[in-house]
Amino acid sequence: MLKRILIDVVVTLAVIALLSGSVVGYFWLRDAPERAKRRKEAEELVAGLVAQKKALDTLGDVDFDTAGLTLAQLNQKLNEPTLGKSGARDSTVVGWACAERSCAIIASFMTPFGQEIPTDSAPVVVVMMKPIASATHTLSIDGVHVGSTAEDVERGCKGRGYGAALARDKITCDDGWGVRWAELDGQVGVLIFSNDKVLGKSELHEISSSKTLERDVR
């Protein structure tokens, strides 16, 4: 009798184990396409970051002066942009050193997307972003660089004879150019230089807003 009970218990546990395994196997097979998709996305992200780091290392230290800056000067230092898309208000956004659609260096031009940007055109906005992957070179405009502090940005612009406040997080840094920034953990992760001479006080200032730029580069 006891032997029969033990046999029944063993058989019951075996059935439960088989059923559990079948359920786990079912969900494993069902979720396989989603797992494959996520794995591919992760691999593409890593590959993009590696490519971005290599591109930045190839460029070396980048430092532009906004005075007289043109697309030709950007291309001379950075080569042809690797990203181009439509921006706000019939502008064109181009980018260099990109990981997928996130670029370390971005410029906006008042040329409708699809038309060739004249090489002597001045950008209306230039953005530099701290790359996710560790970089061994600096990205600078008008002597202020990504990865510095807000105090460094203000000190650098004042050292050029500018630094007047234009907004809570924006100061002048060259004739007709203003700079705003975003900090993360005490470091400047984004520098946004706007060509206020061209933008003026019109609605074209939307081009240089943080939300618009975030949307344009994605």
N, C-alpha and C. Protein backbone atom coordinates (compact mmCIF):
# COMPACT_ATOMS: atom_id res chain seq x y z
N MET A 1 0.83 -1.21 0.00
CA MET A 1 0.00 0.00 0.00
C MET A 1 0.86 1.26 0.00
N LEU A 2 1.85 1.28 0.88
CA LEU A 2 2.75 2.43 0.96
C LEU A 2 3.53 2.60 -0.33
N LYS A 3 3.91 1.44 -0.89
CA LYS A 3 4.66 1.48 -2.15
C LYS A 3 3.82 2.11 -3.26
N ARG A 4 2.53 1.73 -3.26
CA ARG A 4 1.61 2.27 -4.28
C ARG A 4 1.43 3.77 -4.12
N ILE A 5 1.35 4.23 -2.88
CA ILE A 5 1.23 5.67 -2.62
C ILE A 5 2.46 6.42 -3.10
N LEU A 6 3.64 5.88 -2.82
CA LEU A 6 4.89 6.52 -3.23
C LEU A 6 4.98 6.61 -4.75
N ILE A 7 4.53 5.52 -5.41
CA ILE A 7 4.57 5.52 -6.88
C ILE A 7 3.65 6.62 -7.42
N ASP A 8 2.44 6.71 -6.81
CA ASP A 8 1.50 7.74 -7.26
C ASP A 8 2.07 9.15 -7.06
N VAL A 9 2.75 9.37 -5.93
CA VAL A 9 3.36 10.68 -5.65
C VAL A 9 4.43 11.00 -6.69
N VAL A 10 5.30 10.03 -6.96
CA VAL A 10 6.38 10.23 -7.94
C VAL A 10 5.80 10.55 -9.31
N VAL A 11 4.77 9.81 -9.71
CA VAL A 11 4.14 10.04 -11.01
C VAL A 11 3.53 11.43 -11.08
N THR A 12 2.86 11.82 -9.98
CA THR A 12 2.23 13.16 -9.93
C THR A 12 3.28 14.26 -10.05
N LEU A 13 4.39 14.14 -9.32
CA LEU A 13 5.46 15.15 -9.38
C LEU A 13 6.07 15.20 -10.77
N ALA A 14 6.20 14.04 -11.39
CA ALA A 14 6.76 13.99 -12.74
C ALA A 14 5.86 14.72 -13.73
N VAL A 15 4.54 14.49 -13.58
CA VAL A 15 3.58 15.17 -14.46
C VAL A 15 3.63 16.67 -14.26
N ILE A 16 3.70 17.11 -12.99
CA ILE A 16 3.79 18.55 -12.69
C ILE A 16 5.04 19.15 -13.32
N ALA A 17 6.16 18.41 -13.19
CA ALA A 17 7.42 18.89 -13.75
C ALA A 17 7.33 19.01 -15.26
N LEU A 18 6.72 18.03 -15.89
CA LEU A 18 6.57 18.06 -17.34
C LEU A 18 5.69 19.22 -17.78
N LEU A 19 4.57 19.41 -17.03
CA LEU A 19 3.67 20.51 -17.36
C LEU A 19 4.37 21.86 -17.18
N SER A 20 5.11 21.99 -16.08
CA SER A 20 5.83 23.25 -15.81
C SER A 20 6.83 23.51 -16.93
N GLY A 21 7.56 22.46 -17.29
CA GLY A 21 8.54 22.61 -18.36
C GLY A 21 7.89 23.00 -19.67
N SER A 22 6.71 22.42 -19.92
CA SER A 22 5.99 22.74 -21.15
C SER A 22 5.56 24.20 -21.17
N VAL A 23 5.08 24.69 -20.01
CA VAL A 23 4.65 26.10 -19.91
C VAL A 23 5.82 27.03 -20.13
N VAL A 24 6.94 26.73 -19.43
CA VAL A 24 8.15 27.57 -19.58
C VAL A 24 8.62 27.54 -21.02
N GLY A 25 8.62 26.33 -21.61
CA GLY A 25 9.05 26.20 -23.00
C GLY A 25 8.16 26.98 -23.94
N TYR A 26 6.86 26.98 -23.65
CA TYR A 26 5.92 27.71 -24.50
C TYR A 26 6.22 29.20 -24.50
N PHE A 27 6.37 29.76 -23.27
CA PHE A 27 6.65 31.20 -23.17
C PHE A 27 8.02 31.54 -23.75
N TRP A 28 8.98 30.64 -23.61
CA TRP A 28 10.32 30.86 -24.16
C TRP A 28 10.24 30.95 -25.69
N LEU A 29 9.51 30.03 -26.29
CA LEU A 29 9.37 30.05 -27.74
C LEU A 29 8.54 31.24 -28.20
N ARG A 30 7.49 31.56 -27.44
CA ARG A 30 6.63 32.68 -27.81
C ARG A 30 7.39 34.00 -27.80
N ASP A 31 8.28 34.19 -26.82
CA ASP A 31 9.00 35.45 -26.68
C ASP A 31 10.29 35.49 -27.48
N ALA A 32 10.60 34.42 -28.20
CA ALA A 32 11.87 34.36 -28.94
C ALA A 32 12.03 35.51 -29.93
N PRO A 33 11.01 35.86 -30.74
CA PRO A 33 11.17 36.98 -31.68
C PRO A 33 11.47 38.30 -30.98
N GLU A 34 10.79 38.56 -29.85
CA GLU A 34 11.02 39.81 -29.11
C GLU A 34 12.44 39.86 -28.56
N ARG A 35 12.92 38.70 -28.04
CA ARG A 35 14.28 38.65 -27.52
C ARG A 35 15.29 38.88 -28.64
N ALA A 36 15.03 38.31 -29.80
CA ALA A 36 15.93 38.49 -30.94
C ALA A 36 15.95 39.95 -31.38
N LYS A 37 14.77 40.60 -31.35
CA LYS A 37 14.69 42.01 -31.72
C LYS A 37 15.49 42.87 -30.76
N ARG A 38 15.34 42.61 -29.45
CA ARG A 38 16.07 43.40 -28.45
C ARG A 38 17.56 43.17 -28.55
N ARG A 39 17.95 41.92 -28.82
CA ARG A 39 19.38 41.61 -28.97
C ARG A 39 19.96 42.36 -30.16
N LYS A 40 19.20 42.40 -31.27
CA LYS A 40 19.67 43.11 -32.45
C LYS A 40 19.80 44.60 -32.18
N GLU A 41 18.81 45.18 -31.48
CA GLU A 41 18.86 46.60 -31.15
C GLU A 41 20.06 46.91 -30.26
N ALA A 42 20.33 46.04 -29.30
CA ALA A 42 21.48 46.24 -28.40
C ALA A 42 22.78 46.15 -29.18
N GLU A 43 22.86 45.19 -30.09
CA GLU A 43 24.08 45.05 -30.90
C GLU A 43 24.29 46.26 -31.79
N GLU A 44 23.19 46.79 -32.36
CA GLU A 44 23.30 47.98 -33.22
C GLU A 44 23.71 49.20 -32.40
N LEU A 45 23.18 49.31 -31.17
CA LEU A 45 23.54 50.43 -30.31
C LEU A 45 25.02 50.40 -29.96
N VAL A 46 25.51 49.23 -29.57
CA VAL A 46 26.93 49.08 -29.22
C VAL A 46 27.81 49.37 -30.44
N ALA A 47 27.41 48.83 -31.60
CA ALA A 47 28.18 49.07 -32.82
C ALA A 47 28.21 50.56 -33.16
N GLY A 48 27.08 51.25 -32.96
CA GLY A 48 27.02 52.68 -33.23
C GLY A 48 27.92 53.48 -32.30
N LEU A 49 27.92 53.12 -31.02
CA LEU A 49 28.76 53.82 -30.04
C LEU A 49 30.24 53.60 -30.34
N VAL A 50 30.59 52.39 -30.73
CA VAL A 50 31.98 52.09 -31.09
C VAL A 50 32.40 52.90 -32.31
N ALA A 51 31.49 52.97 -33.32
CA ALA A 51 31.78 53.74 -34.52
C ALA A 51 31.91 55.22 -34.21
N GLN A 52 31.06 55.72 -33.30
CA GLN A 52 31.13 57.13 -32.91
C GLN A 52 32.46 57.45 -32.23
N LYS A 53 32.89 56.57 -31.34
CA LYS A 53 34.17 56.78 -30.64
C LYS A 53 35.32 56.78 -31.62
N LYS A 54 35.29 55.86 -32.59
CA LYS A 54 36.35 55.80 -33.59
C LYS A 54 36.38 57.08 -34.42
N ALA A 55 35.18 57.58 -34.77
CA ALA A 55 35.09 58.80 -35.56
C ALA A 55 35.66 59.99 -34.79
N LEU A 56 35.33 60.08 -33.50
CA LEU A 56 35.84 61.18 -32.68
C LEU A 56 37.35 61.07 -32.49
N ASP A 57 37.84 59.86 -32.29
CA ASP A 57 39.28 59.67 -32.13
C ASP A 57 40.01 60.06 -33.41
N THR A 58 39.39 59.78 -34.57
CA THR A 58 40.01 60.14 -35.85
C THR A 58 40.05 61.66 -36.02
N LEU A 59 39.00 62.34 -35.56
CA LEU A 59 38.95 63.81 -35.70
C LEU A 59 39.97 64.49 -34.80
N GLY A 60 40.26 63.88 -33.65
CA GLY A 60 41.15 64.52 -32.69
C GLY A 60 40.43 65.65 -31.96
N ASP A 61 41.16 66.58 -31.41
CA ASP A 61 40.56 67.72 -30.70
C ASP A 61 39.83 68.62 -31.71
N VAL A 62 38.60 68.98 -31.40
CA VAL A 62 37.80 69.84 -32.27
C VAL A 62 37.55 71.16 -31.57
N ASP A 63 37.90 72.27 -32.23
CA ASP A 63 37.70 73.60 -31.64
C ASP A 63 37.40 74.57 -32.76
N PHE A 64 36.17 75.08 -32.80
CA PHE A 64 35.76 76.03 -33.82
C PHE A 64 35.58 77.41 -33.22
N ASP A 65 35.81 78.42 -34.05
CA ASP A 65 35.51 79.80 -33.68
C ASP A 65 34.24 80.18 -34.45
N THR A 66 33.23 80.64 -33.74
CA THR A 66 31.97 80.96 -34.41
C THR A 66 32.10 82.13 -35.39
N ALA A 67 33.08 82.99 -35.19
CA ALA A 67 33.28 84.13 -36.09
C ALA A 67 33.64 83.61 -37.48
N GLY A 68 32.76 83.88 -38.44
CA GLY A 68 33.03 83.48 -39.82
C GLY A 68 32.86 82.00 -40.09
N LEU A 69 32.23 81.26 -39.16
CA LEU A 69 32.08 79.82 -39.33
C LEU A 69 31.12 79.51 -40.48
N THR A 70 31.50 78.58 -41.35
CA THR A 70 30.68 78.18 -42.50
C THR A 70 30.66 76.65 -42.60
N LEU A 71 29.78 76.16 -43.46
CA LEU A 71 29.72 74.71 -43.71
C LEU A 71 31.04 74.21 -44.26
N ALA A 72 31.69 75.01 -45.10
CA ALA A 72 32.97 74.60 -45.67
C ALA A 72 34.01 74.35 -44.56
N GLN A 73 34.04 75.22 -43.56
CA GLN A 73 34.99 75.05 -42.46
C GLN A 73 34.65 73.81 -41.63
N LEU A 74 33.35 73.57 -41.42
CA LEU A 74 32.94 72.38 -40.68
C LEU A 74 33.35 71.12 -41.44
N ASN A 75 33.10 71.11 -42.75
CA ASN A 75 33.44 69.94 -43.55
C ASN A 75 34.96 69.73 -43.64
N GLN A 76 35.70 70.82 -43.66
CA GLN A 76 37.15 70.71 -43.74
C GLN A 76 37.72 69.99 -42.53
N LYS A 77 37.16 70.27 -41.37
CA LYS A 77 37.64 69.65 -40.14
C LYS A 77 36.97 68.31 -39.88
N LEU A 78 35.67 68.22 -40.17
CA LEU A 78 34.89 67.05 -39.77
C LEU A 78 34.59 66.09 -40.91
N ASN A 79 34.93 66.48 -42.16
CA ASN A 79 34.55 65.72 -43.36
C ASN A 79 33.05 65.88 -43.60
N GLU A 80 32.52 65.13 -44.55
CA GLU A 80 31.11 65.26 -44.90
C GLU A 80 30.24 64.77 -43.73
N PRO A 81 29.11 65.42 -43.48
CA PRO A 81 28.23 64.96 -42.39
C PRO A 81 27.68 63.57 -42.66
N THR A 82 27.48 62.82 -41.59
CA THR A 82 26.96 61.45 -41.72
C THR A 82 25.45 61.39 -41.50
N LEU A 83 24.85 62.52 -41.14
CA LEU A 83 23.40 62.57 -40.95
C LEU A 83 22.87 63.86 -41.55
N GLY A 84 21.74 63.76 -42.22
CA GLY A 84 21.06 64.94 -42.73
C GLY A 84 19.57 64.72 -42.66
N LYS A 85 18.83 65.68 -42.11
CA LYS A 85 17.38 65.54 -42.03
C LYS A 85 16.72 66.90 -41.94
N SER A 86 15.41 66.89 -42.09
CA SER A 86 14.64 68.13 -42.04
C SER A 86 14.57 68.64 -40.61
N GLY A 87 14.75 69.94 -40.45
CA GLY A 87 14.66 70.57 -39.13
C GLY A 87 13.45 71.48 -39.05
N ALA A 88 13.37 72.26 -38.00
CA ALA A 88 12.24 73.18 -37.80
C ALA A 88 12.31 74.36 -38.76
N ARG A 89 11.14 74.85 -39.15
CA ARG A 89 11.03 76.07 -39.96
C ARG A 89 11.84 75.99 -41.25
N ASP A 90 11.69 74.89 -41.99
CA ASP A 90 12.36 74.73 -43.29
C ASP A 90 13.88 74.80 -43.18
N SER A 91 14.41 74.32 -42.08
CA SER A 91 15.87 74.26 -41.94
C SER A 91 16.34 72.82 -42.18
N THR A 92 17.64 72.68 -42.33
CA THR A 92 18.23 71.36 -42.50
C THR A 92 19.22 71.11 -41.37
N VAL A 93 19.10 69.95 -40.74
CA VAL A 93 20.00 69.56 -39.66
C VAL A 93 20.99 68.54 -40.20
N VAL A 94 22.28 68.79 -39.97
CA VAL A 94 23.31 67.83 -40.36
C VAL A 94 24.12 67.47 -39.11
N GLY A 95 24.69 66.27 -39.13
CA GLY A 95 25.43 65.81 -37.95
C GLY A 95 26.67 65.02 -38.31
N TRP A 96 27.61 65.05 -37.37
CA TRP A 96 28.86 64.31 -37.53
C TRP A 96 29.10 63.45 -36.29
N ALA A 97 29.90 62.41 -36.48
CA ALA A 97 30.23 61.48 -35.39
C ALA A 97 28.94 60.98 -34.73
N CYS A 98 28.16 60.26 -35.51
CA CYS A 98 26.84 59.82 -35.05
C CYS A 98 26.83 58.36 -34.63
N ALA A 99 26.05 58.07 -33.60
CA ALA A 99 25.72 56.70 -33.22
C ALA A 99 24.24 56.55 -33.50
N GLU A 100 23.91 55.84 -34.60
CA GLU A 100 22.54 55.82 -35.09
C GLU A 100 22.14 57.26 -35.42
N ARG A 101 21.15 57.83 -34.74
CA ARG A 101 20.70 59.19 -35.03
C ARG A 101 21.10 60.18 -33.95
N SER A 102 21.96 59.75 -33.04
CA SER A 102 22.47 60.64 -32.00
C SER A 102 23.89 61.05 -32.37
N CYS A 103 24.07 62.34 -32.63
CA CYS A 103 25.36 62.83 -33.12
C CYS A 103 26.06 63.68 -32.06
N ALA A 104 27.39 63.61 -32.06
CA ALA A 104 28.17 64.40 -31.11
C ALA A 104 28.24 65.86 -31.54
N ILE A 105 28.16 66.10 -32.86
CA ILE A 105 28.24 67.46 -33.39
C ILE A 105 27.09 67.66 -34.38
N ILE A 106 26.33 68.73 -34.19
CA ILE A 106 25.14 68.99 -35.01
C ILE A 106 25.16 70.46 -35.44
N ALA A 107 24.70 70.71 -36.66
CA ALA A 107 24.56 72.09 -37.13
C ALA A 107 23.25 72.23 -37.90
N SER A 108 22.61 73.37 -37.75
CA SER A 108 21.36 73.66 -38.48
C SER A 108 21.61 74.82 -39.44
N PHE A 109 21.06 74.69 -40.65
CA PHE A 109 21.22 75.72 -41.67
C PHE A 109 19.85 76.13 -42.20
N MET A 110 19.70 77.40 -42.55
CA MET A 110 18.43 77.91 -43.06
C MET A 110 18.30 77.58 -44.55
N THR A 111 18.38 76.30 -44.85
CA THR A 111 18.19 75.78 -46.20
C THR A 111 17.17 74.65 -46.11
N PRO A 112 16.11 74.71 -46.90
CA PRO A 112 15.11 73.63 -46.83
C PRO A 112 15.73 72.26 -47.09
N PHE A 113 15.28 71.27 -46.38
CA PHE A 113 15.83 69.92 -46.53
C PHE A 113 15.60 69.43 -47.96
N GLY A 114 16.61 68.80 -48.52
CA GLY A 114 16.54 68.32 -49.90
C GLY A 114 17.28 69.22 -50.86
N GLN A 115 17.50 70.47 -50.46
CA GLN A 115 18.29 71.39 -51.27
C GLN A 115 19.74 71.37 -50.81
N GLU A 116 20.65 71.61 -51.73
CA GLU A 116 22.07 71.63 -51.37
C GLU A 116 22.39 72.86 -50.54
N ILE A 117 23.08 72.66 -49.44
CA ILE A 117 23.46 73.78 -48.57
C ILE A 117 24.70 74.44 -49.16
N PRO A 118 24.65 75.72 -49.48
CA PRO A 118 25.86 76.40 -49.99
C PRO A 118 27.00 76.28 -48.99
N THR A 119 28.18 75.99 -49.46
CA THR A 119 29.31 75.77 -48.56
C THR A 119 29.71 77.03 -47.80
N ASP A 120 29.33 78.21 -48.30
CA ASP A 120 29.67 79.44 -47.59
C ASP A 120 28.58 79.86 -46.62
N SER A 121 27.56 78.99 -46.41
CA SER A 121 26.47 79.31 -45.49
C SER A 121 26.95 79.23 -44.04
N ALA A 122 26.49 80.19 -43.23
CA ALA A 122 26.78 80.15 -41.80
C ALA A 122 25.69 79.36 -41.09
N PRO A 123 26.05 78.49 -40.18
CA PRO A 123 25.02 77.76 -39.42
C PRO A 123 24.25 78.71 -38.51
N VAL A 124 22.98 78.38 -38.27
CA VAL A 124 22.20 79.19 -37.33
C VAL A 124 22.30 78.59 -35.92
N VAL A 125 22.61 77.32 -35.85
CA VAL A 125 22.80 76.65 -34.56
C VAL A 125 23.91 75.62 -34.70
N VAL A 126 24.79 75.56 -33.72
CA VAL A 126 25.81 74.51 -33.65
C VAL A 126 25.72 73.89 -32.26
N VAL A 127 25.65 72.57 -32.23
CA VAL A 127 25.51 71.85 -30.96
C VAL A 127 26.64 70.84 -30.82
N MET A 128 27.18 70.76 -29.63
CA MET A 128 28.14 69.71 -29.31
C MET A 128 27.63 68.97 -28.08
N MET A 129 27.63 67.63 -28.18
CA MET A 129 27.13 66.79 -27.09
C MET A 129 28.22 65.85 -26.61
N LYS A 130 28.24 65.65 -25.31
CA LYS A 130 29.20 64.71 -24.74
C LYS A 130 28.82 63.30 -25.17
N PRO A 131 29.73 62.58 -25.83
CA PRO A 131 29.39 61.23 -26.29
C PRO A 131 29.21 60.28 -25.11
N ILE A 132 28.37 59.25 -25.32
CA ILE A 132 28.16 58.26 -24.27
C ILE A 132 29.43 57.48 -24.01
N ALA A 133 30.10 57.08 -25.10
CA ALA A 133 31.37 56.37 -24.96
C ALA A 133 32.46 57.36 -24.57
N SER A 134 33.38 56.94 -23.75
CA SER A 134 34.45 57.81 -23.28
C SER A 134 35.28 58.32 -24.45
N ALA A 135 35.48 59.63 -24.50
CA ALA A 135 36.26 60.24 -25.58
C ALA A 135 37.62 60.71 -25.05
N THR A 136 38.61 60.59 -25.91
CA THR A 136 39.97 60.99 -25.49
C THR A 136 40.33 62.37 -26.02
N HIS A 137 39.41 63.00 -26.75
CA HIS A 137 39.68 64.33 -27.29
C HIS A 137 38.56 65.29 -26.88
N THR A 138 38.83 66.58 -26.99
CA THR A 138 37.86 67.59 -26.55
C THR A 138 37.05 68.12 -27.73
N LEU A 139 35.81 68.51 -27.42
CA LEU A 139 34.94 69.15 -28.39
C LEU A 139 34.69 70.57 -27.89
N SER A 140 35.14 71.57 -28.64
CA SER A 140 35.07 72.95 -28.16
C SER A 140 34.56 73.90 -29.23
N ILE A 141 33.91 74.95 -28.77
CA ILE A 141 33.52 76.08 -29.62
C ILE A 141 33.86 77.35 -28.85
N ASP A 142 34.52 78.26 -29.53
CA ASP A 142 34.92 79.53 -28.90
C ASP A 142 35.66 79.29 -27.58
N GLY A 143 36.41 78.22 -27.52
CA GLY A 143 37.26 77.96 -26.36
C GLY A 143 36.57 77.29 -25.19
N VAL A 144 35.26 77.07 -25.26
CA VAL A 144 34.57 76.37 -24.17
C VAL A 144 34.25 74.96 -24.65
N HIS A 145 34.41 73.98 -23.77
CA HIS A 145 34.29 72.62 -24.26
C HIS A 145 33.30 71.78 -23.45
N VAL A 146 32.79 70.77 -24.13
CA VAL A 146 31.88 69.80 -23.50
C VAL A 146 32.65 69.06 -22.41
N GLY A 147 31.98 68.86 -21.27
CA GLY A 147 32.63 68.17 -20.16
C GLY A 147 33.18 69.11 -19.12
N SER A 148 33.15 70.43 -19.42
CA SER A 148 33.61 71.41 -18.44
C SER A 148 32.45 71.72 -17.49
N THR A 149 32.60 72.76 -16.67
CA THR A 149 31.53 73.17 -15.77
C THR A 149 30.88 74.44 -16.30
N ALA A 150 29.72 74.77 -15.76
CA ALA A 150 29.04 76.00 -16.16
C ALA A 150 29.91 77.22 -15.86
N GLU A 151 30.64 77.14 -14.75
CA GLU A 151 31.54 78.25 -14.40
C GLU A 151 32.64 78.40 -15.45
N ASP A 152 33.12 77.27 -15.98
CA ASP A 152 34.15 77.32 -17.02
C ASP A 152 33.61 77.97 -18.29
N VAL A 153 32.36 77.66 -18.63
CA VAL A 153 31.75 78.25 -19.82
C VAL A 153 31.65 79.76 -19.65
N GLU A 154 31.14 80.19 -18.51
CA GLU A 154 31.00 81.62 -18.27
C GLU A 154 32.35 82.31 -18.25
N ARG A 155 33.33 81.67 -17.61
CA ARG A 155 34.68 82.24 -17.53
C ARG A 155 35.30 82.35 -18.92
N GLY A 156 35.09 81.31 -19.76
CA GLY A 156 35.67 81.32 -21.10
C GLY A 156 35.08 82.41 -21.97
N CYS A 157 33.77 82.59 -21.91
CA CYS A 157 33.14 83.62 -22.73
C CYS A 157 33.49 85.02 -22.24
N LYS A 158 33.58 85.19 -20.92
CA LYS A 158 33.98 86.50 -20.38
C LYS A 158 35.42 86.81 -20.74
N GLY A 159 36.25 85.78 -20.83
CA GLY A 159 37.64 85.99 -21.22
C GLY A 159 37.77 86.47 -22.66
N ARG A 160 36.74 86.25 -23.46
CA ARG A 160 36.73 86.71 -24.85
C ARG A 160 36.12 88.10 -24.96
N GLY A 161 35.68 88.66 -23.82
CA GLY A 161 35.07 89.99 -23.83
C GLY A 161 33.56 89.95 -23.93
N TYR A 162 32.97 88.77 -23.71
CA TYR A 162 31.52 88.63 -23.78
C TYR A 162 31.01 88.12 -22.44
N GLY A 163 29.99 87.31 -22.44
CA GLY A 163 29.48 86.76 -21.18
C GLY A 163 28.26 87.46 -20.63
N ALA A 164 27.67 88.40 -21.40
CA ALA A 164 26.46 89.07 -20.94
C ALA A 164 25.30 88.08 -20.92
N ALA A 165 24.47 88.16 -19.88
CA ALA A 165 23.35 87.23 -19.75
C ALA A 165 22.26 87.56 -20.77
N LEU A 166 21.81 86.54 -21.48
CA LEU A 166 20.70 86.67 -22.43
C LEU A 166 19.44 86.00 -21.89
N ALA A 167 19.65 85.02 -21.03
CA ALA A 167 18.56 84.28 -20.38
C ALA A 167 19.17 83.60 -19.16
N ARG A 168 18.34 82.84 -18.44
CA ARG A 168 18.83 82.21 -17.22
C ARG A 168 20.00 81.27 -17.49
N ASP A 169 19.98 80.58 -18.63
CA ASP A 169 21.05 79.63 -18.95
C ASP A 169 21.68 79.95 -20.30
N LYS A 170 21.72 81.24 -20.65
CA LYS A 170 22.28 81.64 -21.95
C LYS A 170 23.04 82.95 -21.81
N ILE A 171 24.25 82.98 -22.40
CA ILE A 171 25.08 84.18 -22.38
C ILE A 171 25.67 84.41 -23.76
N THR A 172 26.19 85.61 -23.98
CA THR A 172 26.88 85.88 -25.24
C THR A 172 28.29 85.29 -25.17
N CYS A 173 28.79 84.84 -26.34
CA CYS A 173 30.14 84.29 -26.35
C CYS A 173 30.93 84.72 -27.58
N ASP A 174 30.29 85.48 -28.44
CA ASP A 174 30.95 86.05 -29.62
C ASP A 174 30.00 87.10 -30.19
N ASP A 175 30.46 87.85 -31.16
CA ASP A 175 29.64 88.89 -31.76
C ASP A 175 28.45 88.25 -32.47
N GLY A 176 27.26 88.43 -31.89
CA GLY A 176 26.05 87.90 -32.49
C GLY A 176 25.75 86.46 -32.13
N TRP A 177 26.60 85.84 -31.34
CA TRP A 177 26.40 84.43 -30.97
C TRP A 177 26.14 84.30 -29.46
N GLY A 178 25.16 83.47 -29.13
CA GLY A 178 24.89 83.16 -27.73
C GLY A 178 25.10 81.68 -27.49
N VAL A 179 25.35 81.32 -26.24
CA VAL A 179 25.53 79.91 -25.90
C VAL A 179 24.68 79.57 -24.69
N ARG A 180 24.04 78.42 -24.76
CA ARG A 180 23.33 77.87 -23.61
C ARG A 180 23.86 76.47 -23.40
N TRP A 181 23.60 75.91 -22.24
CA TRP A 181 24.18 74.61 -21.92
C TRP A 181 23.26 73.81 -21.02
N ALA A 182 23.56 72.53 -20.92
CA ALA A 182 22.82 71.63 -20.02
C ALA A 182 23.86 70.85 -19.22
N GLU A 183 23.64 70.79 -17.91
CA GLU A 183 24.58 70.11 -17.02
C GLU A 183 24.03 68.77 -16.56
N LEU A 184 24.94 67.84 -16.32
CA LEU A 184 24.61 66.55 -15.74
C LEU A 184 25.74 66.15 -14.82
N ASP A 185 25.40 65.98 -13.54
CA ASP A 185 26.41 65.62 -12.53
C ASP A 185 27.56 66.61 -12.49
N GLY A 186 27.22 67.91 -12.62
CA GLY A 186 28.23 68.95 -12.50
C GLY A 186 29.05 69.20 -13.75
N GLN A 187 28.78 68.46 -14.83
CA GLN A 187 29.51 68.65 -16.08
C GLN A 187 28.56 69.10 -17.18
N VAL A 188 29.07 69.94 -18.08
CA VAL A 188 28.29 70.39 -19.21
C VAL A 188 28.24 69.26 -20.24
N GLY A 189 27.03 68.72 -20.44
CA GLY A 189 26.88 67.62 -21.40
C GLY A 189 26.50 68.08 -22.79
N VAL A 190 25.94 69.30 -22.87
CA VAL A 190 25.50 69.84 -24.16
C VAL A 190 25.83 71.33 -24.23
N LEU A 191 26.41 71.75 -25.35
CA LEU A 191 26.63 73.17 -25.64
C LEU A 191 25.81 73.52 -26.88
N ILE A 192 24.99 74.57 -26.77
CA ILE A 192 24.15 75.00 -27.90
C ILE A 192 24.51 76.44 -28.23
N PHE A 193 25.15 76.63 -29.38
CA PHE A 193 25.52 77.97 -29.85
C PHE A 193 24.51 78.41 -30.90
N SER A 194 23.90 79.57 -30.71
CA SER A 194 22.91 80.07 -31.65
C SER A 194 23.40 81.37 -32.29
N ASN A 195 23.23 81.43 -33.61
CA ASN A 195 23.62 82.59 -34.40
C ASN A 195 22.48 83.61 -34.33
N ASP A 196 22.48 84.40 -33.26
CA ASP A 196 21.35 85.31 -33.02
C ASP A 196 21.26 86.43 -34.04
N LYS A 197 22.36 86.72 -34.75
CA LYS A 197 22.31 87.72 -35.80
C LYS A 197 21.37 87.28 -36.91
N VAL A 198 21.43 85.99 -37.22
CA VAL A 198 20.59 85.44 -38.28
C VAL A 198 19.19 85.15 -37.75
N LEU A 199 19.12 84.56 -36.56
CA LEU A 199 17.82 84.19 -36.00
C LEU A 199 17.00 85.41 -35.61
N GLY A 200 17.67 86.46 -35.11
CA GLY A 200 16.96 87.64 -34.68
C GLY A 200 16.01 87.33 -33.54
N LYS A 201 14.93 88.05 -33.47
CA LYS A 201 13.96 87.83 -32.40
C LYS A 201 12.68 87.19 -32.94
N SER A 202 12.78 86.61 -34.14
CA SER A 202 11.60 86.04 -34.76
C SER A 202 11.32 84.65 -34.22
N GLU A 203 10.29 84.02 -34.78
CA GLU A 203 9.92 82.67 -34.37
C GLU A 203 10.97 81.65 -34.77
N LEU A 204 11.96 82.07 -35.58
CA LEU A 204 13.02 81.15 -35.97
C LEU A 204 13.86 80.72 -34.77
N HIS A 205 13.69 81.40 -33.64
CA HIS A 205 14.39 80.99 -32.42
C HIS A 205 13.96 79.59 -31.99
N GLU A 206 12.84 79.13 -32.54
CA GLU A 206 12.40 77.77 -32.22
C GLU A 206 13.47 76.75 -32.61
N ILE A 207 14.24 77.08 -33.65
CA ILE A 207 15.26 76.17 -34.14
C ILE A 207 16.30 75.87 -33.07
N SER A 208 16.59 76.86 -32.23
CA SER A 208 17.65 76.69 -31.24
C SER A 208 17.14 76.25 -29.89
N SER A 209 15.84 75.94 -29.77
CA SER A 209 15.33 75.50 -28.48
C SER A 209 15.77 74.07 -28.20
N SER A 210 15.95 73.76 -26.94
CA SER A 210 16.42 72.43 -26.55
C SER A 210 15.47 71.34 -27.01
N LYS A 211 14.14 71.56 -26.87
CA LYS A 211 13.16 70.54 -27.23
C LYS A 211 13.18 70.29 -28.73
N THR A 212 13.32 71.37 -29.53
CA THR A 212 13.34 71.21 -30.98
C THR A 212 14.56 70.43 -31.41
N LEU A 213 15.72 70.76 -30.84
CA LEU A 213 16.94 70.07 -31.21
C LEU A 213 16.89 68.62 -30.83
N GLU A 214 16.31 68.33 -29.66
CA GLU A 214 16.19 66.94 -29.23
C GLU A 214 15.32 66.15 -30.21
N ARG A 215 14.27 66.81 -30.71
CA ARG A 215 13.39 66.15 -31.67
C ARG A 215 14.07 65.99 -33.02
N ASP A 216 14.82 67.02 -33.46
CA ASP A 216 15.42 67.00 -34.78
C ASP A 216 16.50 65.94 -34.94
N VAL A 217 17.23 65.64 -33.86
CA VAL A 217 18.35 64.72 -33.99
C VAL A 217 17.94 63.29 -33.75
N ARG A 218 16.65 63.00 -33.60
CA ARG A 218 16.19 61.64 -33.40
C ARG A 218 15.41 61.15 -34.59
